PDB file of N, CA and C in Angstrom:
ATOM      1  N   UNK A   1       0.853  -1.062   0.072  1.00  0.00           N
ATOM      2  CA  UNK A   1      -0.060  -0.039  -0.029  1.00  0.00           C
ATOM      3  C   UNK A   1       1.062   1.338  -0.059  1.00  0.00           C
ATOM      4  N   UNK A   2       0.615   2.082  -1.095  1.00  0.00           N
ATOM      5  CA  UNK A   2       1.459   3.310  -0.767  1.00  0.00           C
ATOM      6  C   UNK A   2       1.355   4.225   0.036  1.00  0.00           C
ATOM      7  N   UNK A   3       2.134   5.290   0.626  1.00  0.00           N
ATOM      8  CA  UNK A   3       1.551   6.780   0.812  1.00  0.00           C
ATOM      9  C   UNK A   3       2.341   7.623   0.467  1.00  0.00           C
ATOM     10  N   UNK A   4       1.437   8.597   0.772  1.00  0.00           N
ATOM     11  CA  UNK A   4       2.215  10.131  -0.015  1.00  0.00           C
ATOM     12  C   UNK A   4       2.700  10.928   1.249  1.00  0.00           C
ATOM     13  N   UNK A   5       3.817  11.666   1.036  1.00  0.00           N
ATOM     14  CA  UNK A   5       4.725  12.673   1.648  1.00  0.00           C
ATOM     15  C   UNK A   5       4.630  13.615   1.061  1.00  0.00           C
ATOM     16  N   UNK A   6       4.171  14.867   1.559  1.00  0.00           N
ATOM     17  CA  UNK A   6       4.167  16.260   1.016  1.00  0.00           C
ATOM     18  C   UNK A   6       5.620  16.706   0.637  1.00  0.00           C
ATOM     19  N   UNK A   7       5.953  17.250  -0.599  1.00  0.00           N
ATOM     20  CA  UNK A   7       7.205  17.750  -1.065  1.00  0.00           C
ATOM     21  C   UNK A   7       7.804  18.838   0.336  1.00  0.00           C
ATOM     22  N   UNK A   8       6.648  19.379   0.866  1.00  0.00           N
ATOM     23  CA  UNK A   8       7.156  20.623   1.677  1.00  0.00           C
ATOM     24  C   UNK A   8       7.770  19.811   3.016  1.00  0.00           C
ATOM     25  N   UNK A   9       7.016  18.775   3.511  1.00  0.00           N
ATOM     26  CA  UNK A   9       8.322  18.111   4.602  1.00  0.00           C
ATOM     27  C   UNK A   9       9.430  17.313   4.191  1.00  0.00           C
ATOM     28  N   UNK A  10       9.565  16.860   2.886  1.00  0.00           N
ATOM     29  CA  UNK A  10      10.561  16.346   2.395  1.00  0.00           C
ATOM     30  C   UNK A  10      11.753  17.585   1.974  1.00  0.00           C
ATOM     31  N   UNK A  11      10.980  18.719   1.698  1.00  0.00           N
ATOM     32  CA  UNK A  11      11.777  19.763   1.192  1.00  0.00           C
ATOM     33  C   UNK A  11      12.891  20.278   2.832  1.00  0.00           C
ATOM     34  N   UNK A  12      11.953  20.208   3.634  1.00  0.00           N
ATOM     35  CA  UNK A  12      12.648  20.405   4.963  1.00  0.00           C
ATOM     36  C   UNK A  12      13.986  19.745   5.052  1.00  0.00           C
ATOM     37  N   UNK A  13      13.733  18.314   4.853  1.00  0.00           N
ATOM     38  CA  UNK A  13      15.041  17.442   5.420  1.00  0.00           C
ATOM     39  C   UNK A  13      16.107  17.875   4.579  1.00  0.00           C
ATOM     40  N   UNK A  14      16.070  18.185   3.323  1.00  0.00           N
ATOM     41  CA  UNK A  14      17.250  18.926   2.745  1.00  0.00           C
ATOM     42  C   UNK A  14      17.419  20.232   2.910  1.00  0.00           C
ATOM     43  N   UNK A  15      17.018  21.086   3.461  1.00  0.00           N
ATOM     44  CA  UNK A  15      17.548  22.522   3.639  1.00  0.00           C
ATOM     45  C   UNK A  15      18.502  22.648   4.318  1.00  0.00           C
ATOM     46  N   UNK A  16      19.383  23.747   4.300  1.00  0.00           N
ATOM     47  CA  UNK A  16      20.394  23.623   5.262  1.00  0.00           C
ATOM     48  C   UNK A  16      20.302  24.085   6.586  1.00  0.00           C
ATOM     49  N   UNK A  17      20.327  23.265   7.405  1.00  0.00           N
ATOM     50  CA  UNK A  17      20.124  23.532   9.173  1.00  0.00           C
ATOM     51  C   UNK A  17      21.083  23.573   9.909  1.00  0.00           C
ATOM     52  N   UNK A  18      21.428  23.647  10.884  1.00  0.00           N
ATOM     53  CA  UNK A  18      22.421  23.948  12.384  1.00  0.00           C
ATOM     54  C   UNK A  18      21.932  23.453  13.201  1.00  0.00           C
ATOM     55  N   UNK A  19      20.694  23.215  13.471  1.00  0.00           N
ATOM     56  CA  UNK A  19      20.145  22.768  14.561  1.00  0.00           C
ATOM     57  C   UNK A  19      19.983  21.251  14.865  1.00  0.00           C
ATOM     58  N   UNK A  20      20.853  20.975  16.011  1.00  0.00           N
ATOM     59  CA  UNK A  20      21.190  19.559  16.000  1.00  0.00           C
ATOM     60  C   UNK A  20      19.863  18.643  15.692  1.00  0.00           C
ATOM     61  N   UNK A  21      18.900  18.959  16.573  1.00  0.00           N
ATOM     62  CA  UNK A  21      17.664  18.284  16.615  1.00  0.00           C
ATOM     63  C   UNK A  21      17.103  17.994  15.104  1.00  0.00           C
ATOM     64  N   UNK A  22      17.029  18.629  14.245  1.00  0.00           N
ATOM     65  CA  UNK A  22      16.770  18.999  12.882  1.00  0.00           C
ATOM     66  C   UNK A  22      17.329  17.809  12.255  1.00  0.00           C
ATOM     67  N   UNK A  23      18.535  17.813  12.379  1.00  0.00           N
ATOM     68  CA  UNK A  23      19.725  16.978  11.510  1.00  0.00           C
ATOM     69  C   UNK A  23      19.298  15.578  12.012  1.00  0.00           C
ATOM     70  N   UNK A  24      18.708  15.319  13.380  1.00  0.00           N
ATOM     71  CA  UNK A  24      18.781  13.771  13.645  1.00  0.00           C
ATOM     72  C   UNK A  24      17.461  13.821  13.270  1.00  0.00           C
ATOM     73  N   UNK A  25      16.582  14.448  13.277  1.00  0.00           N
ATOM     74  CA  UNK A  25      15.277  14.135  12.390  1.00  0.00           C
ATOM     75  C   UNK A  25      15.412  13.688  10.982  1.00  0.00           C
ATOM     76  N   UNK A  26      16.161  14.636  10.566  1.00  0.00           N
ATOM     77  CA  UNK A  26      16.451  14.148   9.238  1.00  0.00           C
ATOM     78  C   UNK A  26      17.206  13.022   8.707  1.00  0.00           C
ATOM     79  N   UNK A  27      18.051  12.287   9.634  1.00  0.00           N
ATOM     80  CA  UNK A  27      18.426  11.009   9.826  1.00  0.00           C
ATOM     81  C   UNK A  27      17.836  10.137  10.025  1.00  0.00           C
ATOM     82  N   UNK A  28      16.614  10.004  10.585  1.00  0.00           N
ATOM     83  CA  UNK A  28      15.983   9.186  11.201  1.00  0.00           C
ATOM     84  C   UNK A  28      14.534   9.293   9.603  1.00  0.00           C
ATOM     85  N   UNK A  29      14.457  10.212   9.120  1.00  0.00           N
ATOM     86  CA  UNK A  29      13.626  10.297   8.021  1.00  0.00           C
ATOM     87  C   UNK A  29      14.717   9.629   6.695  1.00  0.00           C
ATOM     88  N   UNK A  30      15.936   9.957   6.948  1.00  0.00           N
ATOM     89  CA  UNK A  30      16.237   9.447   5.657  1.00  0.00           C
ATOM     90  C   UNK A  30      16.455   7.827   5.880  1.00  0.00           C
ATOM     91  N   UNK A  31      16.486   7.331   7.253  1.00  0.00           N
ATOM     92  CA  UNK A  31      16.849   6.054   7.218  1.00  0.00           C
ATOM     93  C   UNK A  31      15.721   5.229   6.888  1.00  0.00           C
ATOM     94  N   UNK A  32      14.197   5.831   6.859  1.00  0.00           N
ATOM     95  CA  UNK A  32      12.963   5.362   7.156  1.00  0.00           C
ATOM     96  C   UNK A  32      12.727   5.219   5.453  1.00  0.00           C
ATOM     97  N   UNK A  33      13.267   6.315   4.570  1.00  0.00           N
ATOM     98  CA  UNK A  33      13.227   6.318   3.229  1.00  0.00           C
ATOM     99  C   UNK A  33      14.023   5.321   2.376  1.00  0.00           C
ATOM    100  N   UNK A  34      15.098   5.043   2.952  1.00  0.00           N
ATOM    101  CA  UNK A  34      15.754   4.667   2.259  1.00  0.00           C
ATOM    102  C   UNK A  34      15.615   2.818   2.121  1.00  0.00           C
ATOM    103  N   UNK A  35      14.440   3.065   3.425  1.00  0.00           N
ATOM    104  CA  UNK A  35      14.226   1.194   2.826  1.00  0.00           C
ATOM    105  C   UNK A  35      12.834   0.869   2.430  1.00  0.00           C
ATOM    106  N   UNK A  36      12.470   2.123   1.659  1.00  0.00           N
ATOM    107  CA  UNK A  36      11.023   2.211   1.065  1.00  0.00           C
ATOM    108  C   UNK A  36      11.013   1.987  -0.390  1.00  0.00           C
ATOM    109  N   UNK A  37      10.320   1.947  -1.388  1.00  0.00           N
ATOM    110  CA  UNK A  37      10.395   2.024  -2.772  1.00  0.00           C
ATOM    111  C   UNK A  37       9.723   3.194  -3.208  1.00  0.00           C
ATOM    112  N   UNK A  38      10.021   4.113  -4.204  1.00  0.00           N
ATOM    113  CA  UNK A  38       9.836   5.479  -4.362  1.00  0.00           C
ATOM    114  C   UNK A  38       8.744   5.182  -5.857  1.00  0.00           C
ATOM    115  N   UNK A  39       7.770   5.323  -5.190  1.00  0.00           N
ATOM    116  CA  UNK A  39       6.859   5.277  -7.056  1.00  0.00           C
ATOM    117  C   UNK A  39       6.628   6.229  -7.619  1.00  0.00           C
ATOM    118  N   UNK A  40       6.564   7.187  -7.008  1.00  0.00           N
ATOM    119  CA  UNK A  40       6.430   8.831  -7.681  1.00  0.00           C
ATOM    120  C   UNK A  40       6.582  10.002  -6.939  1.00  0.00           C
ATOM    121  N   UNK A  41       7.633  10.349  -7.727  1.00  0.00           N
ATOM    122  CA  UNK A  41       8.422  11.538  -7.136  1.00  0.00           C
ATOM    123  C   UNK A  41       8.292  12.688  -7.977  1.00  0.00           C
ATOM    124  N   UNK A  42       7.546  14.044  -7.339  1.00  0.00           N
ATOM    125  CA  UNK A  42       8.004  15.326  -8.339  1.00  0.00           C
ATOM    126  C   UNK A  42       8.212  16.742  -7.298  1.00  0.00           C
ATOM    127  N   UNK A  43       7.857  17.671  -7.666  1.00  0.00           N
ATOM    128  CA  UNK A  43       8.442  18.923  -6.863  1.00  0.00           C
ATOM    129  C   UNK A  43       7.715  19.018  -5.431  1.00  0.00           C
ATOM    130  N   UNK A  44       6.106  18.716  -5.595  1.00  0.00           N
ATOM    131  CA  UNK A  44       5.294  18.677  -4.578  1.00  0.00           C
ATOM    132  C   UNK A  44       5.039  17.786  -3.405  1.00  0.00           C
ATOM    133  N   UNK A  45       5.029  16.479  -4.511  1.00  0.00           N
ATOM    134  CA  UNK A  45       4.568  14.815  -3.544  1.00  0.00           C
ATOM    135  C   UNK A  45       5.296  14.060  -4.043  1.00  0.00           C
ATOM    136  N   UNK A  46       5.784  12.863  -2.832  1.00  0.00           N
ATOM    137  CA  UNK A  46       6.655  11.973  -2.753  1.00  0.00           C
ATOM    138  C   UNK A  46       5.974  10.697  -2.333  1.00  0.00           C
ATOM    139  N   UNK A  47       5.823   9.959  -3.415  1.00  0.00           N
ATOM    140  CA  UNK A  47       4.999   8.460  -3.059  1.00  0.00           C
ATOM    141  C   UNK A  47       5.735   7.438  -2.734  1.00  0.00           C
ATOM    142  N   UNK A  48       5.778   6.955  -1.653  1.00  0.00           N
ATOM    143  CA  UNK A  48       6.462   5.393  -1.221  1.00  0.00           C
ATOM    144  C   UNK A  48       5.591   4.385  -0.879  1.00  0.00           C
ATOM    145  N   UNK A  49       6.071   3.114  -1.081  1.00  0.00           N
ATOM    146  CA  UNK A  49       5.110   1.692  -0.676  1.00  0.00           C
ATOM    147  C   UNK A  49       5.532   2.058   1.068  1.00  0.00           C
ATOM    148  N   UNK A  50       4.273   1.426   1.355  1.00  0.00           N
ATOM    149  CA  UNK A  50       4.389   1.162   2.951  1.00  0.00           C
ATOM    150  C   UNK A  50       5.075  -0.097   3.210  1.00  0.00           C
ATOM    151  N   UNK A  51       5.506   0.005   4.593  1.00  0.00           N
ATOM    152  CA  UNK A  51       6.250  -1.413   4.743  1.00  0.00           C
ATOM    153  C   UNK A  51       5.816  -2.311   5.124  1.00  0.00           C
ATOM    154  N   UNK A  52       6.373  -3.257   4.727  1.00  0.00           N
ATOM    155  CA  UNK A  52       5.626  -4.565   5.162  1.00  0.00           C
ATOM    156  C   UNK A  52       6.174  -4.726   6.434  1.00  0.00           C
ATOM    157  N   UNK A  53       5.776  -5.927   7.164  1.00  0.00           N
ATOM    158  CA  UNK A  53       6.008  -6.338   8.431  1.00  0.00           C
ATOM    159  C   UNK A  53       7.589  -6.112   9.028  1.00  0.00           C
ATOM    160  N   UNK A  54       8.401  -6.826   8.107  1.00  0.00           N
ATOM    161  CA  UNK A  54       9.308  -7.095   8.390  1.00  0.00           C
ATOM    162  C   UNK A  54      10.503  -5.542   8.202  1.00  0.00           C
ATOM    163  N   UNK A  55       9.952  -5.007   7.197  1.00  0.00           N
ATOM    164  CA  UNK A  55      10.613  -3.511   6.894  1.00  0.00           C
ATOM    165  C   UNK A  55      10.292  -2.940   7.993  1.00  0.00           C
ATOM    166  N   UNK A  56       9.075  -2.861   8.610  1.00  0.00           N
ATOM    167  CA  UNK A  56       8.485  -2.077  10.001  1.00  0.00           C
ATOM    168  C   UNK A  56       9.431  -2.396  11.212  1.00  0.00           C
ATOM    169  N   UNK A  57       9.844  -3.853  10.958  1.00  0.00           N
ATOM    170  CA  UNK A  57      10.197  -4.443  11.891  1.00  0.00           C
ATOM    171  C   UNK A  57      12.157  -3.379  12.259  1.00  0.00           C
ATOM    172  N   UNK A  58      12.596  -3.631  11.058  1.00  0.00           N
ATOM    173  CA  UNK A  58      14.045  -3.475  10.677  1.00  0.00           C
ATOM    174  C   UNK A  58      13.794  -1.802  10.999  1.00  0.00           C
ATOM    175  N   UNK A  59      12.844  -1.244  10.646  1.00  0.00           N
ATOM    176  CA  UNK A  59      12.605   0.456  10.509  1.00  0.00           C
ATOM    177  C   UNK A  59      12.601   1.021  12.111  1.00  0.00           C
ATOM    178  N   UNK A  60      11.825   0.191  12.914  1.00  0.00           N
ATOM    179  CA  UNK A  60      12.148   0.293  14.330  1.00  0.00           C
ATOM    180  C   UNK A  60      13.346   0.071  15.148  1.00  0.00           C
ATOM    181  N   UNK A  61      13.971  -1.303  14.429  1.00  0.00           N
ATOM    182  CA  UNK A  61      15.285  -1.319  15.222  1.00  0.00           C
ATOM    183  C   UNK A  61      16.527  -0.155  14.913  1.00  0.00           C
ATOM    184  N   UNK A  62      15.896   0.149  13.546  1.00  0.00           N
ATOM    185  CA  UNK A  62      17.349   1.601  13.383  1.00  0.00           C
ATOM    186  C   UNK A  62      16.926   2.971  14.072  1.00  0.00           C
ATOM    187  N   UNK A  63      15.567   3.235  14.569  1.00  0.00           N
ATOM    188  CA  UNK A  63      15.278   4.330  15.185  1.00  0.00           C
ATOM    189  C   UNK A  63      15.657   3.786  16.823  1.00  0.00           C
ATOM    190  N   UNK A  64      15.347   2.773  17.095  1.00  0.00           N
ATOM    191  CA  UNK A  64      15.830   2.425  18.371  1.00  0.00           C
ATOM    192  C   UNK A  64      17.187   2.513  18.799  1.00  0.00           C
ATOM    193  N   UNK A  65      17.975   1.837  17.968  1.00  0.00           N
ATOM    194  CA  UNK A  65      19.603   2.195  17.834  1.00  0.00           C
ATOM    195  C   UNK A  65      20.106   3.502  18.595  1.00  0.00           C
ATOM    196  N   UNK A  66      19.041   4.355  17.780  1.00  0.00           N
ATOM    197  CA  UNK A  66      19.629   5.982  18.236  1.00  0.00           C
ATOM    198  C   UNK A  66      19.910   6.346  19.828  1.00  0.00           C
ATOM    199  N   UNK A  67      18.274   5.754  20.249  1.00  0.00           N
ATOM    200  CA  UNK A  67      18.156   6.314  21.455  1.00  0.00           C
ATOM    201  C   UNK A  67      16.601   5.437  22.099  1.00  0.00           C
ATOM    202  N   UNK A  68      16.474   5.034  23.285  1.00  0.00           N
ATOM    203  CA  UNK A  68      15.115   4.283  23.741  1.00  0.00           C
ATOM    204  C   UNK A  68      14.183   5.664  23.561  1.00  0.00           C
ATOM    205  N   UNK A  69      13.038   5.277  23.046  1.00  0.00           N
ATOM    206  CA  UNK A  69      11.571   5.361  22.752  1.00  0.00           C
ATOM    207  C   UNK A  69      10.268   4.930  22.874  1.00  0.00           C
ATOM    208  N   UNK A  70       9.493   5.935  23.363  1.00  0.00           N
ATOM    209  CA  UNK A  70       8.365   5.208  23.672  1.00  0.00           C
ATOM    210  C   UNK A  70       7.340   4.761  22.421  1.00  0.00           C
ATOM    211  N   UNK A  71       5.945   4.409  22.601  1.00  0.00           N
ATOM    212  CA  UNK A  71       5.634   4.075  21.589  1.00  0.00           C
ATOM    213  C   UNK A  71       4.685   5.297  20.998  1.00  0.00           C
ATOM    214  N   UNK A  72       4.554   6.571  21.538  1.00  0.00           N
ATOM    215  CA  UNK A  72       3.965   8.070  20.712  1.00  0.00           C
ATOM    216  C   UNK A  72       5.315   8.379  19.910  1.00  0.00           C
ATOM    217  N   UNK A  73       6.556   8.158  20.646  1.00  0.00           N
ATOM    218  CA  UNK A  73       7.731   8.608  20.215  1.00  0.00           C
ATOM    219  C   UNK A  73       7.807   8.201  18.711  1.00  0.00           C
ATOM    220  N   UNK A  74       7.647   6.934  18.646  1.00  0.00           N
ATOM    221  CA  UNK A  74       8.091   6.009  17.917  1.00  0.00           C
ATOM    222  C   UNK A  74       7.189   6.429  16.514  1.00  0.00           C
ATOM    223  N   UNK A  75       5.753   6.337  16.888  1.00  0.00           N
ATOM    224  CA  UNK A  75       4.388   6.874  16.340  1.00  0.00           C
ATOM    225  C   UNK A  75       4.494   7.970  15.302  1.00  0.00           C
ATOM    226  N   UNK A  76       5.237   9.134  16.057  1.00  0.00           N
ATOM    227  CA  UNK A  76       5.486  10.342  15.756  1.00  0.00           C
ATOM    228  C   UNK A  76       6.535  10.508  14.243  1.00  0.00           C
ATOM    229  N   UNK A  77       7.559   9.413  14.847  1.00  0.00           N
ATOM    230  CA  UNK A  77       8.517   9.325  13.601  1.00  0.00           C
ATOM    231  C   UNK A  77       8.001   8.635  12.153  1.00  0.00           C
ATOM    232  N   UNK A  78       6.916   8.121  12.552  1.00  0.00           N
ATOM    233  CA  UNK A  78       6.594   7.063  11.555  1.00  0.00           C
ATOM    234  C   UNK A  78       5.072   7.599  11.209  1.00  0.00           C
ATOM    235  N   UNK A  79       4.742   8.578  11.465  1.00  0.00           N
ATOM    236  CA  UNK A  79       3.387   9.031  10.843  1.00  0.00           C
ATOM    237  C   UNK A  79       3.173   9.150   9.494  1.00  0.00           C
ATOM    238  N   UNK A  80       1.973   8.417   9.295  1.00  0.00           N
ATOM    239  CA  UNK A  80       1.577   8.528   7.699  1.00  0.00           C
ATOM    240  C   UNK A  80       2.352   7.132   7.125  1.00  0.00           C
ATOM    241  N   UNK A  81       3.016   6.585   7.984  1.00  0.00           N
ATOM    242  CA  UNK A  81       3.590   5.183   7.405  1.00  0.00           C
ATOM    243  C   UNK A  81       3.303   4.060   7.931  1.00  0.00           C
ATOM    244  N   UNK A  82       2.908   4.038   8.932  1.00  0.00           N
ATOM    245  CA  UNK A  82       2.621   2.743  10.116  1.00  0.00           C
ATOM    246  C   UNK A  82       1.299   3.405  10.816  1.00  0.00           C
ATOM    247  N   UNK A  83       0.671   2.876  11.333  1.00  0.00           N
ATOM    248  CA  UNK A  83      -0.593   2.930  12.208  1.00  0.00           C
ATOM    249  C   UNK A  83       0.084   2.495  13.588  1.00  0.00           C
ATOM    250  N   UNK A  84      -0.461   3.376  14.713  1.00  0.00           N
ATOM    251  CA  UNK A  84       0.134   2.880  15.968  1.00  0.00           C
ATOM    252  C   UNK A  84      -0.087   1.258  16.410  1.00  0.00           C
ATOM    253  N   UNK A  85      -1.196   0.826  15.653  1.00  0.00           N
ATOM    254  CA  UNK A  85      -1.777  -0.459  16.111  1.00  0.00           C
ATOM    255  C   UNK A  85      -0.368  -1.795  15.177  1.00  0.00           C
ATOM    256  N   UNK A  86       0.068  -1.464  13.981  1.00  0.00           N
ATOM    257  CA  UNK A  86       1.227  -1.836  13.407  1.00  0.00           C
ATOM    258  C   UNK A  86       2.559  -1.739  14.035  1.00  0.00           C
ATOM    259  N   UNK A  87       2.547  -0.437  14.747  1.00  0.00           N
ATOM    260  CA  UNK A  87       3.964  -0.381  15.277  1.00  0.00           C
ATOM    261  C   UNK A  87       3.730  -1.199  16.665  1.00  0.00           C
ATOM    262  N   UNK A  88       2.987  -0.990  17.263  1.00  0.00           N
ATOM    263  CA  UNK A  88       2.542  -1.987  18.455  1.00  0.00           C
ATOM    264  C   UNK A  88       2.741  -3.335  18.257  1.00  0.00           C
ATOM    265  N   UNK A  89       2.072  -3.910  17.234  1.00  0.00           N
ATOM    266  CA  UNK A  89       2.274  -5.412  16.787  1.00  0.00           C
ATOM    267  C   UNK A  89       3.841  -5.818  16.255  1.00  0.00           C
ATOM    268  N   UNK A  90       4.494  -4.711  15.532  1.00  0.00           N
ATOM    269  CA  UNK A  90       5.755  -4.860  15.551  1.00  0.00           C
ATOM    270  C   UNK A  90       6.533  -5.013  16.722  1.00  0.00           C
ATOM    271  N   UNK A  91       6.433  -4.210  17.765  1.00  0.00           N
ATOM    272  CA  UNK A  91       7.276  -4.152  18.960  1.00  0.00           C
ATOM    273  C   UNK A  91       7.013  -5.165  19.786  1.00  0.00           C
ATOM    274  N   UNK A  92       5.734  -5.755  19.682  1.00  0.00           N
ATOM    275  CA  UNK A  92       5.459  -7.172  20.412  1.00  0.00           C
ATOM    276  C   UNK A  92       6.209  -8.006  20.047  1.00  0.00           C
ATOM    277  N   UNK A  93       6.319  -8.048  18.823  1.00  0.00           N
ATOM    278  CA  UNK A  93       7.214  -9.403  18.395  1.00  0.00           C
ATOM    279  C   UNK A  93       8.714  -9.099  18.645  1.00  0.00           C
ATOM    280  N   UNK A  94       8.941  -8.348  18.357  1.00  0.00           N
ATOM    281  CA  UNK A  94      10.357  -7.882  18.324  1.00  0.00           C
ATOM    282  C   UNK A  94      10.766  -8.051  19.858  1.00  0.00           C
ATOM    283  N   UNK A  95       9.672  -7.996  21.155  1.00  0.00           N
ATOM    284  CA  UNK A  95      10.203  -8.039  22.380  1.00  0.00           C
ATOM    285  C   UNK A  95      10.123  -9.523  22.187  1.00  0.00           C
ATOM    286  N   UNK A  96       9.407 -10.561  21.893  1.00  0.00           N
ATOM    287  CA  UNK A  96       8.976 -11.821  22.123  1.00  0.00           C
ATOM    288  C   UNK A  96      10.321 -12.523  21.432  1.00  0.00           C
ATOM    289  N   UNK A  97      10.509 -11.892  20.355  1.00  0.00           N
ATOM    290  CA  UNK A  97      12.107 -12.199  19.765  1.00  0.00           C
ATOM    291  C   UNK A  97      13.095 -11.696  20.457  1.00  0.00           C
ATOM    292  N   UNK A  98      13.356 -11.352  21.586  1.00  0.00           N
ATOM    293  CA  UNK A  98      14.495 -10.560  22.732  1.00  0.00           C
ATOM    294  C   UNK A  98      15.388 -10.102  21.775  1.00  0.00           C
ATOM    295  N   UNK A  99      14.665  -8.981  20.741  1.00  0.00           N
ATOM    296  CA  UNK A  99      15.443  -7.954  20.125  1.00  0.00           C
ATOM    297  C   UNK A  99      15.594  -6.750  20.709  1.00  0.00           C
ATOM    298  N   UNK A 100      14.249  -6.176  21.766  1.00  0.00           N
ATOM    299  CA  UNK A 100      14.168  -4.966  21.943  1.00  0.00           C
ATOM    300  C   UNK A 100      13.229  -5.389  23.385  1.00  0.00           C
ATOM    301  N   UNK A 101      13.518  -4.215  24.512  1.00  0.00           N
ATOM    302  CA  UNK A 101      12.777  -4.429  25.745  1.00  0.00           C
ATOM    303  C   UNK A 101      12.024  -3.403  26.202  1.00  0.00           C
ATOM    304  N   UNK A 102      10.990  -3.515  26.753  1.00  0.00           N
ATOM    305  CA  UNK A 102      10.121  -2.465  27.302  1.00  0.00           C
ATOM    306  C   UNK A 102      10.801  -2.238  28.784  1.00  0.00           C
ATOM    307  N   UNK A 103      11.274  -0.829  28.822  1.00  0.00           N
ATOM    308  CA  UNK A 103      11.473  -0.549  30.531  1.00  0.00           C
ATOM    309  C   UNK A 103      10.677   0.135  31.210  1.00  0.00           C
ATOM    310  N   UNK A 104      10.783  -0.029  32.194  1.00  0.00           N
ATOM    311  CA  UNK A 104       9.872   0.527  33.518  1.00  0.00           C
ATOM    312  C   UNK A 104       9.241   2.005  32.967  1.00  0.00           C
ATOM    313  N   UNK A 105      10.176   2.581  31.979  1.00  0.00           N
ATOM    314  CA  UNK A 105       9.504   4.121  32.159  1.00  0.00           C
ATOM    315  C   UNK A 105       8.694   4.218  30.571  1.00  0.00           C
ATOM    316  N   UNK A 106       8.365   2.957  30.297  1.00  0.00           N
ATOM    317  CA  UNK A 106       7.565   2.913  29.519  1.00  0.00           C
ATOM    318  C   UNK A 106       8.116   3.337  27.935  1.00  0.00           C
ATOM    319  N   UNK A 107       9.681   2.858  27.728  1.00  0.00           N
ATOM    320  CA  UNK A 107      10.277   3.015  26.517  1.00  0.00           C
ATOM    321  C   UNK A 107      10.875   2.013  26.004  1.00  0.00           C
ATOM    322  N   UNK A 108      10.955   1.819  24.891  1.00  0.00           N
ATOM    323  CA  UNK A 108      11.256   0.378  24.300  1.00  0.00           C
ATOM    324  C   UNK A 108      13.308   1.040  24.155  1.00  0.00           C
ATOM    325  N   UNK A 109      13.906  -0.314  23.922  1.00  0.00           N
ATOM    326  CA  UNK A 109      15.208  -0.204  24.223  1.00  0.00           C
ATOM    327  C   UNK A 109      15.689  -1.437  23.248  1.00  0.00           C
ATOM    328  N   UNK A 110      16.837  -1.007  22.186  1.00  0.00           N
ATOM    329  CA  UNK A 110      17.061  -2.196  21.466  1.00  0.00           C
ATOM    330  C   UNK A 110      18.081  -2.824  22.125  1.00  0.00           C
ATOM    331  N   UNK A 111      17.749  -4.277  22.031  1.00  0.00           N
ATOM    332  CA  UNK A 111      18.933  -5.154  23.083  1.00  0.00           C
ATOM    333  C   UNK A 111      19.697  -5.962  22.152  1.00  0.00           C
ATOM    334  N   UNK A 112      21.433  -5.864  22.638  1.00  0.00           N
ATOM    335  CA  UNK A 112      22.335  -6.339  21.888  1.00  0.00           C
ATOM    336  C   UNK A 112      23.038  -5.419  20.711  1.00  0.00           C
TER     337      UNK A 112
END
């Protein structure tokens, strides 16, 4: 299933920023985008395939490699790409596979 990312969101990714938070967010977006197939791309719109379950798990592991995050934080990074339910399901499976753990503060951390 494809999803659409507005070019304004993507354009902010390529602008010259010095803010560390913005560049960190840009790196996360790049990690996500690099795993998905582009269907259509022009000045205004970027259409990419939505991740399948395995791709979503890999994206989550990439995001958690940076720092522990709770479900809401992960969903904010993946808004428009994956629903909160799909993210929760993937996190549950990763927890069962002992690739991530849920900490007492509600944040998920990558193991190993």
